[in-house]
């Protein structure tokens, strides 16, 4: 899940696994796999960073030193 900001300043939490497409048109438009479109304040680059940060957090696990 990542937090994005609607154009009116309201925060919104979305499931990043549902993001199908992100476009810059001059506003950033997120299209979800459900067909829903969201206009957000964040740039395309910022959204990519947030999704990657989220995925790093959920897929990171410590490797034991001794087996």
C-alpha atoms as a PDB file:
ATOM      1  CA  UNK A   1       0.000   0.000   0.000  1.00  0.00           C
ATOM      2  CA  UNK A   2       1.257   3.491  -0.812  1.00  0.00           C
ATOM      3  CA  UNK A   3      -0.024   6.928   0.126  1.00  0.00           C
ATOM      4  CA  UNK A   4      -0.778   9.374  -2.682  1.00  0.00           C
ATOM      5  CA  UNK A   5      -2.337  12.839  -2.644  1.00  0.00           C
ATOM      6  CA  UNK A   6      -5.442  13.723  -4.624  1.00  0.00           C
ATOM      7  CA  UNK A   7      -5.427  17.070  -6.420  1.00  0.00           C
ATOM      8  CA  UNK A   8      -7.610  18.541  -3.637  1.00  0.00           C
ATOM      9  CA  UNK A   9      -4.888  17.695  -1.076  1.00  0.00           C
ATOM     10  CA  UNK A  10      -6.670  14.687   0.425  1.00  0.00           C
ATOM     11  CA  UNK A  11      -4.388  11.700   1.130  1.00  0.00           C
ATOM     12  CA  UNK A  12      -5.392   8.356  -0.305  1.00  0.00           C
ATOM     13  CA  UNK A  13      -3.930   4.900   0.313  1.00  0.00           C
ATOM     14  CA  UNK A  14      -3.879   2.607  -2.706  1.00  0.00           C
ATOM     15  CA  UNK A  15      -2.807  -0.962  -3.289  1.00  0.00           C
ATOM     16  CA  UNK A  16       0.265  -0.634  -5.481  1.00  0.00           C
ATOM     17  CA  UNK A  17      -0.345  -4.139  -6.854  1.00  0.00           C
ATOM     18  CA  UNK A  18      -3.436  -2.764  -8.625  1.00  0.00           C
ATOM     19  CA  UNK A  19      -1.545  -0.078 -10.577  1.00  0.00           C
ATOM     20  CA  UNK A  20      -1.705  -0.869 -14.273  1.00  0.00           C
ATOM     21  CA  UNK A  21      -0.520   2.409 -15.782  1.00  0.00           C
ATOM     22  CA  UNK A  22       0.828   5.801 -14.680  1.00  0.00           C
ATOM     23  CA  UNK A  23       0.650   8.734 -17.113  1.00  0.00           C
ATOM     24  CA  UNK A  24       1.824  12.342 -17.046  1.00  0.00           C
ATOM     25  CA  UNK A  25      -0.802  14.438 -18.830  1.00  0.00           C
ATOM     26  CA  UNK A  26       0.280  17.308 -17.266  1.00  0.00           C
ATOM     27  CA  UNK A  27      -1.309  15.933 -14.070  1.00  0.00           C
ATOM     28  CA  UNK A  28      -0.349  12.432 -13.003  1.00  0.00           C
ATOM     29  CA  UNK A  29      -3.046   9.870 -13.765  1.00  0.00           C
ATOM     30  CA  UNK A  30      -2.960   6.417 -12.158  1.00  0.00           C
ATOM     31  CA  UNK A  31      -5.038   3.743 -13.896  1.00  0.00           C
ATOM     32  CA  UNK A  32      -5.837   0.721 -11.739  1.00  0.00           C
ATOM     33  CA  UNK A  33      -6.488  -2.792 -13.010  1.00  0.00           C
ATOM     34  CA  UNK A  34     -10.128  -2.224 -12.024  1.00  0.00           C
ATOM     35  CA  UNK A  35     -10.368   0.533 -14.668  1.00  0.00           C
ATOM     36  CA  UNK A  36     -10.594   3.296 -12.063  1.00  0.00           C
ATOM     37  CA  UNK A  37      -8.488   6.393 -12.771  1.00  0.00           C
ATOM     38  CA  UNK A  38      -6.999   8.629 -10.078  1.00  0.00           C
ATOM     39  CA  UNK A  39      -5.535  12.123 -10.496  1.00  0.00           C
ATOM     40  CA  UNK A  40      -2.724  12.707  -8.013  1.00  0.00           C
ATOM     41  CA  UNK A  41      -0.197  15.414  -7.137  1.00  0.00           C
ATOM     42  CA  UNK A  42       2.857  13.148  -7.103  1.00  0.00           C
ATOM     43  CA  UNK A  43       5.091  12.908 -10.149  1.00  0.00           C
ATOM     44  CA  UNK A  44       5.520   9.679 -12.089  1.00  0.00           C
ATOM     45  CA  UNK A  45       9.059   9.390 -10.709  1.00  0.00           C
ATOM     46  CA  UNK A  46       7.838   9.830  -7.119  1.00  0.00           C
ATOM     47  CA  UNK A  47       5.196   7.130  -7.585  1.00  0.00           C
ATOM     48  CA  UNK A  48       7.809   4.732  -8.940  1.00  0.00           C
ATOM     49  CA  UNK A  49      10.026   5.456  -5.923  1.00  0.00           C
ATOM     50  CA  UNK A  50       7.162   4.838  -3.491  1.00  0.00           C
ATOM     51  CA  UNK A  51       6.180   1.559  -5.130  1.00  0.00           C
ATOM     52  CA  UNK A  52       9.783   0.333  -5.132  1.00  0.00           C
ATOM     53  CA  UNK A  53      10.250   1.368  -1.479  1.00  0.00           C
ATOM     54  CA  UNK A  54       7.065  -0.483  -0.537  1.00  0.00           C
ATOM     55  CA  UNK A  55       8.125  -3.624  -2.387  1.00  0.00           C
ATOM     56  CA  UNK A  56      11.562  -3.533  -0.757  1.00  0.00           C
ATOM     57  CA  UNK A  57       9.905  -3.387   2.657  1.00  0.00           C
ATOM     58  CA  UNK A  58       7.535  -6.297   2.082  1.00  0.00           C
ATOM     59  CA  UNK A  59       9.989  -8.600   0.305  1.00  0.00           C
ATOM     60  CA  UNK A  60      13.029  -7.928   2.488  1.00  0.00           C
ATOM     61  CA  UNK A  61      13.915 -10.559   5.002  1.00  0.00           C
ATOM     62  CA  UNK A  62      17.100 -11.136   6.960  1.00  0.00           C
ATOM     63  CA  UNK A  63      19.406 -13.895   5.818  1.00  0.00           C
ATOM     64  CA  UNK A  64      20.575 -15.961   8.775  1.00  0.00           C
ATOM     65  CA  UNK A  65      24.328 -15.968   9.325  1.00  0.00           C
ATOM     66  CA  UNK A  66      24.334 -19.572  10.434  1.00  0.00           C
ATOM     67  CA  UNK A  67      22.208 -22.349   9.054  1.00  0.00           C
END
